[in-house]
Amino acid sequence: MERDGLVERVRHPSDRRAFLLTLTEEGARCHREAEELDRAALAAATGALSGAEREQLRALLGRIRAAVDTEGAAADGTGTAGPERDDD
């Protein structure tokens, strides 16, 4: 991503072993474009559903994801479900 000009890497100001990554203008543009494509694909996939049905689907998929995350944590022995995700 750095080579493609999407992120910039700079040394962390208080930890010389670490780097900070920030989006470039091009990286931010690509991110916005990806979000627009995601929204369009979701709208196309759920277009035949009512608002209440979309909410029900979101809730059910959330429960499935939570179950999968819990099983994955048990399988890898960490006891954690991994990083939280924000679907919005």
C-alpha atoms as a PDB file:
ATOM      1  CA  MET A   1       0.000   0.000   0.000  1.00  0.00           C
ATOM      2  CA  GLU A   2       2.891   2.319   0.706  1.00  0.00           C
ATOM      3  CA  ARG A   3       4.438   1.527  -2.663  1.00  0.00           C
ATOM      4  CA  ASP A   4       1.088   2.314  -4.320  1.00  0.00           C
ATOM      5  CA  GLY A   5       0.919   5.685  -2.580  1.00  0.00           C
ATOM      6  CA  LEU A   6      -2.097   4.796  -0.417  1.00  0.00           C
ATOM      7  CA  VAL A   7      -0.412   5.097   2.992  1.00  0.00           C
ATOM      8  CA  GLU A   8       2.585   6.880   4.440  1.00  0.00           C
ATOM      9  CA  ARG A   9       4.811   5.378   7.107  1.00  0.00           C
ATOM     10  CA  VAL A  10       6.637   7.565   9.602  1.00  0.00           C
ATOM     11  CA  ARG A  11       8.541   6.764  12.769  1.00  0.00           C
ATOM     12  CA  HIS A  12       6.522   6.856  15.955  1.00  0.00           C
ATOM     13  CA  PRO A  13       7.552   9.993  17.870  1.00  0.00           C
ATOM     14  CA  SER A  14       8.099   8.230  21.199  1.00  0.00           C
ATOM     15  CA  ASP A  15       9.050   4.692  20.093  1.00  0.00           C
ATOM     16  CA  ARG A  16      11.769   4.458  17.462  1.00  0.00           C
ATOM     17  CA  ARG A  17      10.918   0.783  16.910  1.00  0.00           C
ATOM     18  CA  ALA A  18       7.382   1.576  15.779  1.00  0.00           C
ATOM     19  CA  PHE A  19       5.862   3.259  12.755  1.00  0.00           C
ATOM     20  CA  LEU A  20       2.645   5.202  12.276  1.00  0.00           C
ATOM     21  CA  LEU A  21       0.622   4.637   9.133  1.00  0.00           C
ATOM     22  CA  THR A  22      -1.637   7.315   7.709  1.00  0.00           C
ATOM     23  CA  LEU A  23      -3.773   7.403   4.606  1.00  0.00           C
ATOM     24  CA  THR A  24      -2.631   9.635   1.796  1.00  0.00           C
ATOM     25  CA  GLU A  25      -5.156  11.653  -0.198  1.00  0.00           C
ATOM     26  CA  GLU A  26      -5.177   8.837  -2.762  1.00  0.00           C
ATOM     27  CA  GLY A  27      -5.665   6.257   0.008  1.00  0.00           C
ATOM     28  CA  ALA A  28      -8.591   8.237   1.416  1.00  0.00           C
ATOM     29  CA  ARG A  29     -10.120   8.490  -2.073  1.00  0.00           C
ATOM     30  CA  CYS A  30      -9.801   4.727  -2.561  1.00  0.00           C
ATOM     31  CA  HIS A  31     -11.349   4.133   0.863  1.00  0.00           C
ATOM     32  CA  ARG A  32     -14.341   6.370   0.037  1.00  0.00           C
ATOM     33  CA  GLU A  33     -14.778   4.610  -3.307  1.00  0.00           C
ATOM     34  CA  ALA A  34     -14.693   1.184  -1.635  1.00  0.00           C
ATOM     35  CA  GLU A  35     -17.307   2.298   0.900  1.00  0.00           C
ATOM     36  CA  GLU A  36     -19.574   3.539  -1.912  1.00  0.00           C
ATOM     37  CA  LEU A  37     -19.215   0.222  -3.745  1.00  0.00           C
ATOM     38  CA  ASP A  38     -19.961  -1.652  -0.512  1.00  0.00           C
ATOM     39  CA  ARG A  39     -23.140   0.390   0.084  1.00  0.00           C
ATOM     40  CA  ALA A  40     -24.273  -0.167  -3.514  1.00  0.00           C
ATOM     41  CA  ALA A  41     -23.672  -3.914  -3.306  1.00  0.00           C
ATOM     42  CA  LEU A  42     -25.544  -4.140  -0.004  1.00  0.00           C
ATOM     43  CA  ALA A  43     -28.460  -2.150  -1.407  1.00  0.00           C
ATOM     44  CA  ALA A  44     -28.608  -4.406  -4.466  1.00  0.00           C
ATOM     45  CA  ALA A  45     -28.452  -7.567  -2.358  1.00  0.00           C
ATOM     46  CA  THR A  46     -31.129  -6.462   0.098  1.00  0.00           C
ATOM     47  CA  GLY A  47     -33.272  -4.326  -2.189  1.00  0.00           C
ATOM     48  CA  ALA A  48     -36.185  -6.766  -2.116  1.00  0.00           C
ATOM     49  CA  LEU A  49     -36.362  -6.670   1.699  1.00  0.00           C
ATOM     50  CA  SER A  50     -38.385  -4.263   3.786  1.00  0.00           C
ATOM     51  CA  GLY A  51     -36.625  -2.107   6.383  1.00  0.00           C
ATOM     52  CA  ALA A  52     -37.781  -4.444   9.144  1.00  0.00           C
ATOM     53  CA  GLU A  53     -36.505  -7.470   7.206  1.00  0.00           C
ATOM     54  CA  ARG A  54     -33.110  -5.796   6.693  1.00  0.00           C
ATOM     55  CA  GLU A  55     -32.865  -5.137  10.429  1.00  0.00           C
ATOM     56  CA  GLN A  56     -33.812  -8.740  11.185  1.00  0.00           C
ATOM     57  CA  LEU A  57     -31.160  -9.970   8.730  1.00  0.00           C
ATOM     58  CA  ARG A  58     -28.541  -7.686  10.319  1.00  0.00           C
ATOM     59  CA  ALA A  59     -29.407  -9.020  13.791  1.00  0.00           C
ATOM     60  CA  LEU A  60     -29.277 -12.650  12.661  1.00  0.00           C
ATOM     61  CA  LEU A  61     -25.967 -12.191  10.869  1.00  0.00           C
ATOM     62  CA  GLY A  62     -24.584 -10.488  13.966  1.00  0.00           C
ATOM     63  CA  ARG A  63     -25.520 -13.499  16.059  1.00  0.00           C
ATOM     64  CA  ILE A  64     -23.878 -15.835  13.561  1.00  0.00           C
ATOM     65  CA  ARG A  65     -20.701 -13.716  13.542  1.00  0.00           C
ATOM     66  CA  ALA A  66     -20.585 -13.697  17.346  1.00  0.00           C
ATOM     67  CA  ALA A  67     -20.929 -17.490  17.424  1.00  0.00           C
ATOM     68  CA  VAL A  68     -18.182 -17.934  14.827  1.00  0.00           C
ATOM     69  CA  ASP A  69     -15.890 -15.497  16.683  1.00  0.00           C
ATOM     70  CA  THR A  70     -16.478 -17.364  19.947  1.00  0.00           C
ATOM     71  CA  GLU A  71     -15.753 -20.737  18.320  1.00  0.00           C
ATOM     72  CA  GLY A  72     -12.608 -19.308  16.713  1.00  0.00           C
ATOM     73  CA  ALA A  73     -11.364 -18.008  20.049  1.00  0.00           C
ATOM     74  CA  ALA A  74     -11.935 -21.383  21.660  1.00  0.00           C
ATOM     75  CA  ALA A  75     -10.179 -23.148  18.790  1.00  0.00           C
ATOM     76  CA  ASP A  76      -7.073 -20.961  18.875  1.00  0.00           C
ATOM     77  CA  GLY A  77      -6.837 -21.080  22.653  1.00  0.00           C
ATOM     78  CA  THR A  78      -6.778 -17.322  23.153  1.00  0.00           C
ATOM     79  CA  GLY A  79     -10.127 -17.105  24.889  1.00  0.00           C
ATOM     80  CA  THR A  80     -10.819 -13.890  22.996  1.00  0.00           C
ATOM     81  CA  ALA A  81     -12.923 -13.297  19.946  1.00  0.00           C
ATOM     82  CA  GLY A  82     -10.328 -11.123  18.274  1.00  0.00           C
ATOM     83  CA  PRO A  83     -10.640  -7.489  17.311  1.00  0.00           C
ATOM     84  CA  GLU A  84     -14.052  -5.895  17.342  1.00  0.00           C
ATOM     85  CA  ARG A  85     -15.519  -4.988  14.000  1.00  0.00           C
ATOM     86  CA  ASP A  86     -17.702  -2.069  13.094  1.00  0.00           C
ATOM     87  CA  ASP A  87     -20.074  -2.927  10.280  1.00  0.00           C
ATOM     88  CA  ASP A  88     -21.522   0.532   9.873  1.00  0.00           C
END
